[in-house]
């Protein structure tokens, strides 16, 4: 099951989130490998910047309220029981096509949903199973959490910005 919804938020709410993350007083944390904590990872470094809003079912950021409208809309449309993890990913422009390793976010957890909310339009994409989901600003994609997926980094824009959400 892969569900793609374009124009998920109204333009004002999208702009507010995006502007705060890219131009506001927002903390980004360098991660030299997006799959570093995956015990099965063997391979090249996959650097990016991250900000974790929810970790292990608990709010982990004083910027969590920035996501109020996004969470509200997900709650209305999907009715999640619990948010496991919510984090934002910021990828910087690459000068050659780069694909991160295919993975699931929680290999030891069953029956959860992963959603990716795109804040920028780039020539990057996410491969989910065998399907390519292009980066499109204000697009969200929902899929079963046990579906392997991976990031494909952009070569056209300075930033690729998205929010990764896992919930039960």
C-alpha atoms as a PDB file:
ATOM      1  CA  UNK A   1       0.000   0.000   0.000  1.00  0.00           C
ATOM      2  CA  UNK A   2       1.448   3.339  -1.078  1.00  0.00           C
ATOM      3  CA  UNK A   3      -0.764   6.416  -0.868  1.00  0.00           C
ATOM      4  CA  UNK A   4       0.435   9.737  -2.290  1.00  0.00           C
ATOM      5  CA  UNK A   5      -1.404  12.980  -1.474  1.00  0.00           C
ATOM      6  CA  UNK A   6      -0.384  16.259  -3.096  1.00  0.00           C
ATOM      7  CA  UNK A   7      -1.165  19.687  -1.588  1.00  0.00           C
ATOM      8  CA  UNK A   8      -1.497  18.114   1.849  1.00  0.00           C
ATOM      9  CA  UNK A   9      -1.369  21.368   3.826  1.00  0.00           C
ATOM     10  CA  UNK A  10      -2.568  24.826   2.911  1.00  0.00           C
ATOM     11  CA  UNK A  11       0.149  27.079   1.494  1.00  0.00           C
ATOM     12  CA  UNK A  12       0.408  29.232   4.628  1.00  0.00           C
ATOM     13  CA  UNK A  13       1.064  26.246   6.911  1.00  0.00           C
ATOM     14  CA  UNK A  14       3.565  24.745   4.457  1.00  0.00           C
ATOM     15  CA  UNK A  15       5.413  28.069   4.140  1.00  0.00           C
ATOM     16  CA  UNK A  16       5.556  28.493   7.924  1.00  0.00           C
ATOM     17  CA  UNK A  17       7.150  25.074   8.497  1.00  0.00           C
ATOM     18  CA  UNK A  18       9.564  25.446   5.603  1.00  0.00           C
ATOM     19  CA  UNK A  19      10.646  28.984   6.519  1.00  0.00           C
ATOM     20  CA  UNK A  20      11.224  28.090  10.170  1.00  0.00           C
ATOM     21  CA  UNK A  21      13.328  25.080   9.226  1.00  0.00           C
ATOM     22  CA  UNK A  22      15.412  26.810   6.570  1.00  0.00           C
ATOM     23  CA  UNK A  23      15.566  30.398   7.768  1.00  0.00           C
ATOM     24  CA  UNK A  24      14.506  30.473  11.398  1.00  0.00           C
ATOM     25  CA  UNK A  25      16.185  29.695  14.676  1.00  0.00           C
ATOM     26  CA  UNK A  26      16.162  25.960  13.983  1.00  0.00           C
ATOM     27  CA  UNK A  27      18.746  23.436  15.178  1.00  0.00           C
ATOM     28  CA  UNK A  28      20.082  20.991  12.623  1.00  0.00           C
ATOM     29  CA  UNK A  29      22.354  18.187  13.759  1.00  0.00           C
ATOM     30  CA  UNK A  30      24.963  16.671  11.492  1.00  0.00           C
ATOM     31  CA  UNK A  31      24.651  12.949  10.966  1.00  0.00           C
ATOM     32  CA  UNK A  32      27.581  11.463   9.068  1.00  0.00           C
ATOM     33  CA  UNK A  33      25.579   8.362   8.215  1.00  0.00           C
ATOM     34  CA  UNK A  34      21.788   8.200   8.001  1.00  0.00           C
ATOM     35  CA  UNK A  35      21.808   4.477   8.843  1.00  0.00           C
ATOM     36  CA  UNK A  36      24.597   4.537  11.416  1.00  0.00           C
ATOM     37  CA  UNK A  37      22.464   2.941  14.139  1.00  0.00           C
ATOM     38  CA  UNK A  38      21.343   0.141  11.860  1.00  0.00           C
ATOM     39  CA  UNK A  39      23.373  -2.928  12.972  1.00  0.00           C
ATOM     40  CA  UNK A  40      23.099  -4.405   9.475  1.00  0.00           C
ATOM     41  CA  UNK A  41      24.612  -1.366   7.772  1.00  0.00           C
ATOM     42  CA  UNK A  42      27.814  -1.951   5.852  1.00  0.00           C
ATOM     43  CA  UNK A  43      28.814   0.588   3.260  1.00  0.00           C
ATOM     44  CA  UNK A  44      29.637   4.178   2.449  1.00  0.00           C
ATOM     45  CA  UNK A  45      28.770   7.154   4.585  1.00  0.00           C
ATOM     46  CA  UNK A  46      25.482   8.852   3.800  1.00  0.00           C
ATOM     47  CA  UNK A  47      25.712  12.304   5.429  1.00  0.00           C
ATOM     48  CA  UNK A  48      22.779  14.597   6.151  1.00  0.00           C
ATOM     49  CA  UNK A  49      21.396  16.926   8.789  1.00  0.00           C
ATOM     50  CA  UNK A  50      18.582  15.842  11.096  1.00  0.00           C
ATOM     51  CA  UNK A  51      16.288  17.221  13.744  1.00  0.00           C
ATOM     52  CA  UNK A  52      14.304  14.749  15.835  1.00  0.00           C
ATOM     53  CA  UNK A  53      10.899  15.959  17.031  1.00  0.00           C
ATOM     54  CA  UNK A  54       9.657  12.677  18.530  1.00  0.00           C
ATOM     55  CA  UNK A  55      11.834   9.763  19.611  1.00  0.00           C
ATOM     56  CA  UNK A  56      10.658   6.531  21.238  1.00  0.00           C
ATOM     57  CA  UNK A  57       7.067   7.822  21.447  1.00  0.00           C
ATOM     58  CA  UNK A  58       8.098  10.996  23.345  1.00  0.00           C
ATOM     59  CA  UNK A  59       8.471  14.617  22.265  1.00  0.00           C
ATOM     60  CA  UNK A  60      12.184  15.278  21.897  1.00  0.00           C
ATOM     61  CA  UNK A  61      12.276  18.874  20.649  1.00  0.00           C
ATOM     62  CA  UNK A  62      11.245  22.319  21.801  1.00  0.00           C
ATOM     63  CA  UNK A  63      10.317  22.944  18.127  1.00  0.00           C
ATOM     64  CA  UNK A  64       7.619  20.261  18.117  1.00  0.00           C
ATOM     65  CA  UNK A  65       4.811  22.857  17.932  1.00  0.00           C
ATOM     66  CA  UNK A  66       6.119  23.825  14.482  1.00  0.00           C
ATOM     67  CA  UNK A  67       4.462  20.611  13.283  1.00  0.00           C
ATOM     68  CA  UNK A  68       1.036  21.306  14.834  1.00  0.00           C
ATOM     69  CA  UNK A  69      -0.792  21.741  11.514  1.00  0.00           C
ATOM     70  CA  UNK A  70       0.906  18.734   9.921  1.00  0.00           C
ATOM     71  CA  UNK A  71       0.150  16.486  12.922  1.00  0.00           C
ATOM     72  CA  UNK A  72      -3.412  17.800  13.087  1.00  0.00           C
ATOM     73  CA  UNK A  73      -3.999  16.927   9.432  1.00  0.00           C
ATOM     74  CA  UNK A  74      -2.491  13.442   9.824  1.00  0.00           C
ATOM     75  CA  UNK A  75      -4.606  12.881  12.936  1.00  0.00           C
ATOM     76  CA  UNK A  76      -7.755  13.866  11.011  1.00  0.00           C
ATOM     77  CA  UNK A  77      -7.043  11.701   7.965  1.00  0.00           C
ATOM     78  CA  UNK A  78      -5.226   8.662   9.391  1.00  0.00           C
ATOM     79  CA  UNK A  79      -6.115   8.522  13.098  1.00  0.00           C
ATOM     80  CA  UNK A  80      -2.783   7.199  14.423  1.00  0.00           C
ATOM     81  CA  UNK A  81      -2.680   5.730  17.939  1.00  0.00           C
ATOM     82  CA  UNK A  82       0.913   6.730  18.728  1.00  0.00           C
ATOM     83  CA  UNK A  83       3.788   8.521  17.025  1.00  0.00           C
ATOM     84  CA  UNK A  84       6.931   6.424  17.307  1.00  0.00           C
ATOM     85  CA  UNK A  85       9.361   8.868  15.723  1.00  0.00           C
ATOM     86  CA  UNK A  86       9.196  12.122  13.780  1.00  0.00           C
ATOM     87  CA  UNK A  87      12.324  13.649  12.340  1.00  0.00           C
ATOM     88  CA  UNK A  88      13.251  16.089   9.644  1.00  0.00           C
ATOM     89  CA  UNK A  89      16.004  15.381   7.131  1.00  0.00           C
ATOM     90  CA  UNK A  90      18.014  18.011   5.317  1.00  0.00           C
ATOM     91  CA  UNK A  91      20.160  16.794   2.436  1.00  0.00           C
ATOM     92  CA  UNK A  92      22.600  19.144   0.755  1.00  0.00           C
ATOM     93  CA  UNK A  93      23.058  19.208  -3.011  1.00  0.00           C
ATOM     94  CA  UNK A  94      25.164  16.427  -4.508  1.00  0.00           C
ATOM     95  CA  UNK A  95      27.029  16.802  -7.765  1.00  0.00           C
ATOM     96  CA  UNK A  96      26.379  13.244  -8.873  1.00  0.00           C
ATOM     97  CA  UNK A  97      23.364  10.986  -8.381  1.00  0.00           C
ATOM     98  CA  UNK A  98      23.549   9.356  -4.958  1.00  0.00           C
ATOM     99  CA  UNK A  99      21.279   6.681  -3.511  1.00  0.00           C
ATOM    100  CA  UNK A 100      21.220   5.763   0.151  1.00  0.00           C
ATOM    101  CA  UNK A 101      20.914   2.145   1.245  1.00  0.00           C
ATOM    102  CA  UNK A 102      17.446   0.590   1.198  1.00  0.00           C
ATOM    103  CA  UNK A 103      16.085   0.017   4.703  1.00  0.00           C
ATOM    104  CA  UNK A 104      13.072  -0.061   7.001  1.00  0.00           C
ATOM    105  CA  UNK A 105      13.035   2.433   9.853  1.00  0.00           C
ATOM    106  CA  UNK A 106      12.216  -0.100  12.596  1.00  0.00           C
ATOM    107  CA  UNK A 107      13.230  -3.647  11.588  1.00  0.00           C
ATOM    108  CA  UNK A 108      12.031  -5.137  14.895  1.00  0.00           C
ATOM    109  CA  UNK A 109       8.580  -3.536  14.853  1.00  0.00           C
ATOM    110  CA  UNK A 110       5.476  -4.829  13.080  1.00  0.00           C
ATOM    111  CA  UNK A 111       2.338  -3.016  11.972  1.00  0.00           C
ATOM    112  CA  UNK A 112       3.421   0.593  11.733  1.00  0.00           C
ATOM    113  CA  UNK A 113       3.114   3.228   9.037  1.00  0.00           C
ATOM    114  CA  UNK A 114       5.838   5.424   7.594  1.00  0.00           C
ATOM    115  CA  UNK A 115       4.977   8.773   6.063  1.00  0.00           C
ATOM    116  CA  UNK A 116       7.281  11.192   4.271  1.00  0.00           C
ATOM    117  CA  UNK A 117       6.244  14.819   3.915  1.00  0.00           C
ATOM    118  CA  UNK A 118       8.225  16.754   1.297  1.00  0.00           C
ATOM    119  CA  UNK A 119       8.901  20.447   1.869  1.00  0.00           C
ATOM    120  CA  UNK A 120      10.893  20.991  -1.339  1.00  0.00           C
ATOM    121  CA  UNK A 121      10.643  20.053  -4.995  1.00  0.00           C
ATOM    122  CA  UNK A 122      13.897  18.627  -6.325  1.00  0.00           C
ATOM    123  CA  UNK A 123      15.085  16.020  -8.795  1.00  0.00           C
ATOM    124  CA  UNK A 124      15.600  13.700  -5.833  1.00  0.00           C
ATOM    125  CA  UNK A 125      13.140  10.994  -4.949  1.00  0.00           C
ATOM    126  CA  UNK A 126      12.364   8.205  -2.518  1.00  0.00           C
ATOM    127  CA  UNK A 127      12.269   4.655  -3.764  1.00  0.00           C
ATOM    128  CA  UNK A 128       9.588   2.761  -1.834  1.00  0.00           C
ATOM    129  CA  UNK A 129       9.604  -0.910  -2.738  1.00  0.00           C
ATOM    130  CA  UNK A 130       9.763  -0.749  -6.537  1.00  0.00           C
ATOM    131  CA  UNK A 131       8.027   2.648  -6.804  1.00  0.00           C
ATOM    132  CA  UNK A 132       9.785   5.970  -7.304  1.00  0.00           C
ATOM    133  CA  UNK A 133       8.120   8.873  -5.447  1.00  0.00           C
ATOM    134  CA  UNK A 134       9.448  12.192  -6.714  1.00  0.00           C
ATOM    135  CA  UNK A 135      10.174  15.065  -4.367  1.00  0.00           C
ATOM    136  CA  UNK A 136       7.321  17.515  -4.690  1.00  0.00           C
ATOM    137  CA  UNK A 137       6.724  20.341  -2.255  1.00  0.00           C
ATOM    138  CA  UNK A 138       3.659  19.730  -0.041  1.00  0.00           C
ATOM    139  CA  UNK A 139       3.394  16.040  -1.012  1.00  0.00           C
ATOM    140  CA  UNK A 140       3.001  13.320   1.581  1.00  0.00           C
ATOM    141  CA  UNK A 141       3.351   9.604   0.993  1.00  0.00           C
ATOM    142  CA  UNK A 142       2.095   6.907   3.379  1.00  0.00           C
ATOM    143  CA  UNK A 143       3.283   3.296   3.235  1.00  0.00           C
ATOM    144  CA  UNK A 144       3.565   0.200   5.390  1.00  0.00           C
ATOM    145  CA  UNK A 145       6.573   0.508   7.680  1.00  0.00           C
ATOM    146  CA  UNK A 146       8.039  -2.866   6.722  1.00  0.00           C
ATOM    147  CA  UNK A 147       8.445  -1.701   3.088  1.00  0.00           C
ATOM    148  CA  UNK A 148      12.076  -1.060   2.197  1.00  0.00           C
ATOM    149  CA  UNK A 149      12.767   2.471   1.037  1.00  0.00           C
ATOM    150  CA  UNK A 150      15.728   4.732   0.364  1.00  0.00           C
ATOM    151  CA  UNK A 151      16.631   8.333  -0.355  1.00  0.00           C
ATOM    152  CA  UNK A 152      17.968   9.424  -3.727  1.00  0.00           C
ATOM    153  CA  UNK A 153      19.713  12.753  -3.280  1.00  0.00           C
ATOM    154  CA  UNK A 154      19.118  15.784  -5.482  1.00  0.00           C
ATOM    155  CA  UNK A 155      21.599  17.360  -7.887  1.00  0.00           C
ATOM    156  CA  UNK A 156      19.544  20.421  -8.876  1.00  0.00           C
ATOM    157  CA  UNK A 157      18.671  22.352  -5.680  1.00  0.00           C
ATOM    158  CA  UNK A 158      20.739  23.384  -2.677  1.00  0.00           C
ATOM    159  CA  UNK A 159      18.424  21.686  -0.159  1.00  0.00           C
ATOM    160  CA  UNK A 160      16.200  18.634  -0.046  1.00  0.00           C
ATOM    161  CA  UNK A 161      13.961  18.964   2.999  1.00  0.00           C
ATOM    162  CA  UNK A 162      11.480  16.404   4.286  1.00  0.00           C
ATOM    163  CA  UNK A 163       9.846  15.122   7.437  1.00  0.00           C
ATOM    164  CA  UNK A 164       9.873  11.397   8.165  1.00  0.00           C
ATOM    165  CA  UNK A 165       7.036  10.161  10.386  1.00  0.00           C
ATOM    166  CA  UNK A 166       6.493   6.728  11.903  1.00  0.00           C
ATOM    167  CA  UNK A 167       3.286   5.881  13.742  1.00  0.00           C
ATOM    168  CA  UNK A 168       1.111   3.007  14.903  1.00  0.00           C
END
